[in-house]
Amino acid sequence: MTPRNLLADARGAAAIEAAFALPVIIVVMIGLLQFSLVLQASGVVRNAAGEGVRYAKVHPDATEAEVLDKVRAALVGVKSGGIVSLALQRGTATNGAKYSQVTVKYQLDPLIPLGSDVGAIMLNESMSSYQPT
């Protein structure tokens, strides 16, 4: 086979093109999957904080343990081992209004860590409500 014939031969071109395109496609798919997992976990954490602050507002005499149990129960669809901290703070604002604040910190591990520099993804959500007077 002459060099001119080799240059005109198109066999295997699709395999070479696929070899170039496949890593890019895989990285984009993994990135989309990771982004969707972060959005899902963020929504769950936000909802759980909202449920906790709602429970604290509806039941102003509820204990901290009861409110935080409601928050834990609302964390559906995420690993319970990722919960870093749950906190309930009650107090009085400068204008004299009583308030409740629920803070949730959640840690989401990346799908494929790209080295030792990539750490966990931290999600923080805090919601407040004022008690009716």
N, C-alpha and C. Protein backbone atom coordinates (compact mmCIF):
# COMPACT_ATOMS: atom_id res chain seq x y z
N MET A 1 0.85 -1.17 0.00
CA MET A 1 0.00 0.00 0.00
C MET A 1 0.90 1.24 0.00
N THR A 2 0.59 2.15 -0.83
CA THR A 2 1.38 3.37 -0.93
C THR A 2 0.89 4.40 0.07
N PRO A 3 1.71 5.40 0.40
CA PRO A 3 1.27 6.43 1.35
C PRO A 3 0.02 7.16 0.88
N ARG A 4 -0.12 7.34 -0.45
CA ARG A 4 -1.31 8.03 -0.97
C ARG A 4 -2.55 7.20 -0.68
N ASN A 5 -2.45 5.89 -0.78
CA ASN A 5 -3.59 5.02 -0.51
C ASN A 5 -3.92 5.03 0.99
N LEU A 6 -2.92 5.12 1.85
CA LEU A 6 -3.17 5.16 3.29
C LEU A 6 -3.92 6.43 3.69
N LEU A 7 -3.57 7.55 3.09
CA LEU A 7 -4.24 8.81 3.40
C LEU A 7 -5.68 8.81 2.91
N ALA A 8 -5.96 8.11 1.85
CA ALA A 8 -7.32 8.07 1.30
C ALA A 8 -8.19 7.04 2.01
N ASP A 9 -7.59 6.14 2.77
CA ASP A 9 -8.35 5.08 3.44
C ASP A 9 -9.07 5.66 4.66
N ALA A 10 -10.38 5.53 4.72
CA ALA A 10 -11.19 6.11 5.81
C ALA A 10 -11.56 5.07 6.86
N ARG A 11 -11.13 3.84 6.70
CA ARG A 11 -11.45 2.82 7.70
C ARG A 11 -10.79 3.17 9.02
N GLY A 12 -11.54 3.06 10.09
CA GLY A 12 -11.02 3.35 11.41
C GLY A 12 -11.14 4.81 11.82
N ALA A 13 -11.60 5.67 10.92
CA ALA A 13 -11.74 7.09 11.25
C ALA A 13 -12.79 7.29 12.34
N ALA A 14 -13.87 6.53 12.28
CA ALA A 14 -14.92 6.66 13.30
C ALA A 14 -14.39 6.24 14.67
N ALA A 15 -13.55 5.23 14.70
CA ALA A 15 -12.98 4.78 15.98
C ALA A 15 -12.07 5.85 16.57
N ILE A 16 -11.29 6.50 15.73
CA ILE A 16 -10.41 7.57 16.20
C ILE A 16 -11.22 8.76 16.71
N GLU A 17 -12.27 9.13 15.96
CA GLU A 17 -13.12 10.24 16.39
C GLU A 17 -13.82 9.92 17.71
N ALA A 18 -14.28 8.68 17.85
CA ALA A 18 -14.93 8.27 19.10
C ALA A 18 -13.93 8.29 20.25
N ALA A 19 -12.70 7.92 19.99
CA ALA A 19 -11.69 7.92 21.05
C ALA A 19 -11.41 9.35 21.55
N PHE A 20 -11.52 10.32 20.66
CA PHE A 20 -11.35 11.71 21.07
C PHE A 20 -12.59 12.25 21.79
N ALA A 21 -13.77 11.88 21.33
CA ALA A 21 -15.01 12.45 21.85
C ALA A 21 -15.48 11.77 23.14
N LEU A 22 -15.22 10.50 23.30
CA LEU A 22 -15.75 9.76 24.45
C LEU A 22 -15.30 10.30 25.80
N PRO A 23 -14.04 10.62 26.04
CA PRO A 23 -13.67 11.18 27.35
C PRO A 23 -14.38 12.50 27.66
N VAL A 24 -14.56 13.34 26.65
CA VAL A 24 -15.26 14.60 26.86
C VAL A 24 -16.71 14.34 27.24
N ILE A 25 -17.35 13.44 26.54
CA ILE A 25 -18.75 13.11 26.82
C ILE A 25 -18.90 12.53 28.23
N ILE A 26 -17.99 11.67 28.64
CA ILE A 26 -18.06 11.06 29.97
C ILE A 26 -17.88 12.13 31.05
N VAL A 27 -16.92 13.04 30.87
CA VAL A 27 -16.71 14.09 31.87
C VAL A 27 -17.93 14.99 31.97
N VAL A 28 -18.54 15.34 30.85
CA VAL A 28 -19.75 16.18 30.87
C VAL A 28 -20.89 15.45 31.56
N MET A 29 -21.06 14.17 31.31
CA MET A 29 -22.14 13.40 31.95
C MET A 29 -21.93 13.30 33.45
N ILE A 30 -20.71 13.05 33.89
CA ILE A 30 -20.42 12.98 35.32
C ILE A 30 -20.64 14.34 35.98
N GLY A 31 -20.24 15.41 35.29
CA GLY A 31 -20.47 16.75 35.82
C GLY A 31 -21.95 17.07 35.96
N LEU A 32 -22.75 16.70 34.98
CA LEU A 32 -24.19 16.91 35.07
C LEU A 32 -24.80 16.10 36.20
N LEU A 33 -24.35 14.88 36.36
CA LEU A 33 -24.86 14.03 37.45
C LEU A 33 -24.50 14.62 38.81
N GLN A 34 -23.26 15.09 38.96
CA GLN A 34 -22.84 15.68 40.23
C GLN A 34 -23.63 16.95 40.52
N PHE A 35 -23.83 17.78 39.51
CA PHE A 35 -24.59 19.01 39.67
C PHE A 35 -26.03 18.71 40.06
N SER A 36 -26.63 17.69 39.45
CA SER A 36 -28.00 17.34 39.81
C SER A 36 -28.10 16.79 41.23
N LEU A 37 -27.09 16.06 41.67
CA LEU A 37 -27.09 15.56 43.06
C LEU A 37 -26.95 16.71 44.05
N VAL A 38 -26.16 17.70 43.73
CA VAL A 38 -26.02 18.87 44.60
C VAL A 38 -27.33 19.65 44.66
N LEU A 39 -27.97 19.84 43.51
CA LEU A 39 -29.26 20.55 43.51
C LEU A 39 -30.32 19.78 44.30
N GLN A 40 -30.35 18.47 44.16
CA GLN A 40 -31.32 17.66 44.90
C GLN A 40 -31.07 17.75 46.40
N ALA A 41 -29.82 17.60 46.81
CA ALA A 41 -29.49 17.67 48.23
C ALA A 41 -29.76 19.07 48.78
N SER A 42 -29.49 20.10 47.99
CA SER A 42 -29.74 21.47 48.43
C SER A 42 -31.24 21.69 48.65
N GLY A 43 -32.06 21.16 47.77
CA GLY A 43 -33.50 21.29 47.94
C GLY A 43 -34.01 20.55 49.17
N VAL A 44 -33.46 19.38 49.42
CA VAL A 44 -33.87 18.60 50.60
C VAL A 44 -33.46 19.33 51.88
N VAL A 45 -32.24 19.86 51.91
CA VAL A 45 -31.75 20.58 53.10
C VAL A 45 -32.59 21.84 53.34
N ARG A 46 -32.90 22.56 52.26
CA ARG A 46 -33.73 23.78 52.39
C ARG A 46 -35.12 23.42 52.91
N ASN A 47 -35.70 22.35 52.36
CA ASN A 47 -37.03 21.92 52.81
C ASN A 47 -37.01 21.49 54.28
N ALA A 48 -35.97 20.76 54.69
CA ALA A 48 -35.88 20.30 56.07
C ALA A 48 -35.75 21.48 57.04
N ALA A 49 -34.96 22.48 56.67
CA ALA A 49 -34.84 23.67 57.52
C ALA A 49 -36.18 24.39 57.61
N GLY A 50 -36.90 24.46 56.50
CA GLY A 50 -38.21 25.09 56.50
C GLY A 50 -39.22 24.34 57.35
N GLU A 51 -39.19 23.01 57.29
CA GLU A 51 -40.09 22.22 58.12
C GLU A 51 -39.79 22.40 59.60
N GLY A 52 -38.51 22.48 59.93
CA GLY A 52 -38.14 22.67 61.33
C GLY A 52 -38.58 24.02 61.86
N VAL A 53 -38.38 25.08 61.08
CA VAL A 53 -38.76 26.41 61.54
C VAL A 53 -40.29 26.53 61.57
N ARG A 54 -40.97 25.86 60.65
CA ARG A 54 -42.44 25.86 60.67
C ARG A 54 -42.96 25.17 61.93
N TYR A 55 -42.35 24.03 62.26
CA TYR A 55 -42.77 23.30 63.46
C TYR A 55 -42.50 24.14 64.71
N ALA A 56 -41.37 24.83 64.74
CA ALA A 56 -41.05 25.67 65.90
C ALA A 56 -42.02 26.83 66.02
N LYS A 57 -42.51 27.32 64.90
CA LYS A 57 -43.45 28.44 64.93
C LYS A 57 -44.84 27.98 65.36
N VAL A 58 -45.28 26.84 64.83
CA VAL A 58 -46.61 26.32 65.16
C VAL A 58 -46.67 25.81 66.59
N HIS A 59 -45.55 25.25 67.06
CA HIS A 59 -45.47 24.70 68.42
C HIS A 59 -44.38 25.47 69.19
N PRO A 60 -44.68 26.66 69.69
CA PRO A 60 -43.64 27.46 70.35
C PRO A 60 -43.11 26.85 71.64
N ASP A 61 -43.86 25.91 72.22
CA ASP A 61 -43.38 25.26 73.45
C ASP A 61 -42.65 23.95 73.17
N ALA A 62 -42.41 23.61 71.90
CA ALA A 62 -41.70 22.38 71.56
C ALA A 62 -40.24 22.49 71.99
N THR A 63 -39.69 21.36 72.41
CA THR A 63 -38.28 21.34 72.83
C THR A 63 -37.38 21.35 71.60
N GLU A 64 -36.12 21.63 71.84
CA GLU A 64 -35.14 21.63 70.76
C GLU A 64 -35.04 20.25 70.12
N ALA A 65 -35.09 19.21 70.94
CA ALA A 65 -35.01 17.85 70.42
C ALA A 65 -36.19 17.53 69.50
N GLU A 66 -37.38 17.98 69.86
CA GLU A 66 -38.56 17.73 69.02
C GLU A 66 -38.44 18.43 67.67
N VAL A 67 -37.99 19.67 67.69
CA VAL A 67 -37.85 20.42 66.44
C VAL A 67 -36.79 19.78 65.55
N LEU A 68 -35.64 19.42 66.14
CA LEU A 68 -34.57 18.83 65.35
C LEU A 68 -34.94 17.43 64.85
N ASP A 69 -35.80 16.71 65.58
CA ASP A 69 -36.30 15.42 65.08
C ASP A 69 -37.15 15.63 63.84
N LYS A 70 -37.94 16.71 63.80
CA LYS A 70 -38.73 17.04 62.61
C LYS A 70 -37.80 17.36 61.43
N VAL A 71 -36.70 18.05 61.71
CA VAL A 71 -35.74 18.37 60.66
C VAL A 71 -35.13 17.08 60.12
N ARG A 72 -34.70 16.19 61.01
CA ARG A 72 -34.11 14.91 60.58
C ARG A 72 -35.11 14.10 59.76
N ALA A 73 -36.38 14.11 60.18
CA ALA A 73 -37.41 13.35 59.46
C ALA A 73 -37.65 13.92 58.07
N ALA A 74 -37.42 15.21 57.89
CA ALA A 74 -37.62 15.84 56.58
C ALA A 74 -36.42 15.67 55.65
N LEU A 75 -35.31 15.17 56.15
CA LEU A 75 -34.12 14.95 55.32
C LEU A 75 -34.25 13.61 54.59
N VAL A 76 -35.21 13.53 53.72
CA VAL A 76 -35.50 12.30 52.98
C VAL A 76 -34.75 12.36 51.64
N GLY A 77 -34.07 11.29 51.30
CA GLY A 77 -33.38 11.22 50.02
C GLY A 77 -31.91 11.58 50.09
N VAL A 78 -31.40 11.89 51.27
CA VAL A 78 -29.98 12.15 51.43
C VAL A 78 -29.45 11.22 52.53
N LYS A 79 -28.15 10.96 52.48
CA LYS A 79 -27.55 10.09 53.49
C LYS A 79 -27.54 10.78 54.84
N SER A 80 -27.99 10.08 55.87
CA SER A 80 -28.00 10.68 57.21
C SER A 80 -26.58 10.88 57.73
N GLY A 81 -25.62 10.16 57.21
CA GLY A 81 -24.24 10.34 57.62
C GLY A 81 -23.63 11.64 57.15
N GLY A 82 -24.30 12.31 56.20
CA GLY A 82 -23.79 13.57 55.69
C GLY A 82 -24.17 14.78 56.52
N ILE A 83 -25.03 14.57 57.53
CA ILE A 83 -25.45 15.69 58.37
C ILE A 83 -24.28 16.09 59.26
N VAL A 84 -23.82 17.32 59.09
CA VAL A 84 -22.71 17.82 59.90
C VAL A 84 -23.25 18.40 61.20
N SER A 85 -24.28 19.24 61.09
CA SER A 85 -24.84 19.81 62.31
C SER A 85 -26.27 20.29 62.06
N LEU A 86 -27.05 20.22 63.12
CA LEU A 86 -28.41 20.76 63.16
C LEU A 86 -28.47 21.65 64.39
N ALA A 87 -29.07 22.81 64.24
CA ALA A 87 -29.15 23.72 65.38
C ALA A 87 -30.47 24.48 65.36
N LEU A 88 -31.00 24.71 66.55
CA LEU A 88 -32.18 25.54 66.73
C LEU A 88 -31.79 26.67 67.67
N GLN A 89 -32.09 27.87 67.25
CA GLN A 89 -31.82 29.03 68.09
C GLN A 89 -33.13 29.79 68.26
N ARG A 90 -33.46 30.07 69.50
CA ARG A 90 -34.63 30.87 69.81
C ARG A 90 -34.17 32.10 70.56
N GLY A 91 -34.87 33.19 70.34
CA GLY A 91 -34.47 34.41 71.02
C GLY A 91 -35.45 35.53 70.77
N THR A 92 -35.04 36.71 71.15
CA THR A 92 -35.84 37.90 70.98
C THR A 92 -35.04 38.90 70.17
N ALA A 93 -35.64 39.41 69.11
CA ALA A 93 -34.97 40.39 68.25
C ALA A 93 -34.93 41.74 68.94
N THR A 94 -34.21 42.66 68.35
CA THR A 94 -34.06 43.99 68.94
C THR A 94 -35.38 44.75 69.03
N ASN A 95 -36.33 44.40 68.17
CA ASN A 95 -37.64 45.07 68.22
C ASN A 95 -38.60 44.38 69.19
N GLY A 96 -38.13 43.36 69.91
CA GLY A 96 -38.94 42.68 70.90
C GLY A 96 -39.68 41.47 70.40
N ALA A 97 -39.61 41.17 69.12
CA ALA A 97 -40.30 40.01 68.55
C ALA A 97 -39.50 38.74 68.83
N LYS A 98 -40.20 37.67 69.20
CA LYS A 98 -39.55 36.38 69.42
C LYS A 98 -39.37 35.68 68.07
N TYR A 99 -38.24 34.98 67.94
CA TYR A 99 -37.96 34.30 66.69
C TYR A 99 -37.38 32.92 66.95
N SER A 100 -37.41 32.10 65.90
CA SER A 100 -36.77 30.79 65.89
C SER A 100 -35.94 30.70 64.62
N GLN A 101 -34.78 30.09 64.74
CA GLN A 101 -33.91 29.93 63.58
C GLN A 101 -33.37 28.50 63.58
N VAL A 102 -33.53 27.83 62.44
CA VAL A 102 -33.02 26.47 62.27
C VAL A 102 -31.88 26.53 61.26
N THR A 103 -30.75 25.92 61.61
CA THR A 103 -29.58 25.87 60.74
C THR A 103 -29.22 24.41 60.48
N VAL A 104 -29.05 24.08 59.21
CA VAL A 104 -28.68 22.72 58.80
C VAL A 104 -27.40 22.81 57.98
N LYS A 105 -26.41 22.01 58.35
CA LYS A 105 -25.17 21.89 57.58
C LYS A 105 -25.07 20.45 57.11
N TYR A 106 -24.89 20.29 55.79
CA TYR A 106 -24.85 18.95 55.20
C TYR A 106 -23.61 18.84 54.31
N GLN A 107 -22.97 17.69 54.36
CA GLN A 107 -21.76 17.44 53.58
C GLN A 107 -22.06 16.39 52.52
N LEU A 108 -21.78 16.73 51.26
CA LEU A 108 -22.01 15.83 50.14
C LEU A 108 -20.66 15.48 49.53
N ASP A 109 -20.36 14.20 49.47
CA ASP A 109 -19.09 13.77 48.89
C ASP A 109 -19.18 13.78 47.37
N PRO A 110 -18.12 14.20 46.67
CA PRO A 110 -18.15 14.21 45.21
C PRO A 110 -18.20 12.78 44.67
N LEU A 111 -18.78 12.64 43.47
CA LEU A 111 -18.87 11.32 42.85
C LEU A 111 -17.49 10.75 42.58
N ILE A 112 -16.69 11.52 41.88
CA ILE A 112 -15.34 11.08 41.55
C ILE A 112 -14.38 12.18 42.00
N PRO A 113 -13.71 11.97 43.11
CA PRO A 113 -12.76 12.99 43.54
C PRO A 113 -11.61 13.09 42.53
N LEU A 114 -11.27 14.30 42.14
CA LEU A 114 -10.24 14.50 41.13
C LEU A 114 -8.88 14.78 41.75
N GLY A 115 -8.62 14.18 42.87
CA GLY A 115 -7.35 14.37 43.53
C GLY A 115 -7.56 14.71 44.99
N SER A 116 -6.49 14.91 45.69
CA SER A 116 -6.58 15.17 47.12
C SER A 116 -7.06 16.59 47.42
N ASP A 117 -7.00 17.49 46.41
CA ASP A 117 -7.40 18.87 46.63
C ASP A 117 -8.92 19.05 46.64
N VAL A 118 -9.64 18.11 46.07
CA VAL A 118 -11.09 18.21 45.99
C VAL A 118 -11.69 17.68 47.29
N GLY A 119 -12.37 18.54 48.01
CA GLY A 119 -12.97 18.13 49.27
C GLY A 119 -14.46 17.91 49.10
N ALA A 120 -15.11 17.72 50.20
CA ALA A 120 -16.55 17.51 50.19
C ALA A 120 -17.27 18.81 49.89
N ILE A 121 -18.48 18.69 49.39
CA ILE A 121 -19.32 19.84 49.08
C ILE A 121 -20.16 20.12 50.32
N MET A 122 -20.04 21.34 50.86
CA MET A 122 -20.78 21.71 52.06
C MET A 122 -22.01 22.53 51.69
N LEU A 123 -23.15 22.11 52.19
CA LEU A 123 -24.40 22.84 51.99
C LEU A 123 -24.85 23.39 53.33
N ASN A 124 -25.08 24.69 53.40
CA ASN A 124 -25.53 25.35 54.62
C ASN A 124 -26.87 26.02 54.34
N GLU A 125 -27.82 25.77 55.20
CA GLU A 125 -29.14 26.41 55.05
C GLU A 125 -29.61 26.88 56.41
N SER A 126 -30.09 28.10 56.47
CA SER A 126 -30.58 28.66 57.71
C SER A 126 -31.90 29.38 57.42
N MET A 127 -32.93 29.09 58.21
CA MET A 127 -34.22 29.73 58.04
C MET A 127 -34.71 30.26 59.38
N SER A 128 -35.37 31.39 59.33
CA SER A 128 -35.90 32.03 60.53
C SER A 128 -37.37 32.30 60.39
N SER A 129 -38.04 32.36 61.53
CA SER A 129 -39.44 32.80 61.55
C SER A 129 -39.68 33.54 62.84
N TYR A 130 -40.59 34.50 62.77
CA TYR A 130 -40.96 35.27 63.94
C TYR A 130 -42.26 34.72 64.51
N GLN A 131 -42.34 34.69 65.83
CA GLN A 131 -43.54 34.20 66.49
C GLN A 131 -44.62 35.27 66.48
N PRO A 132 -45.86 34.88 66.24
CA PRO A 132 -46.93 35.87 66.31
C PRO A 132 -47.12 36.36 67.74
N THR A 133 -47.46 37.63 67.88
CA THR A 133 -47.67 38.18 69.22
C THR A 133 -49.13 38.39 69.51
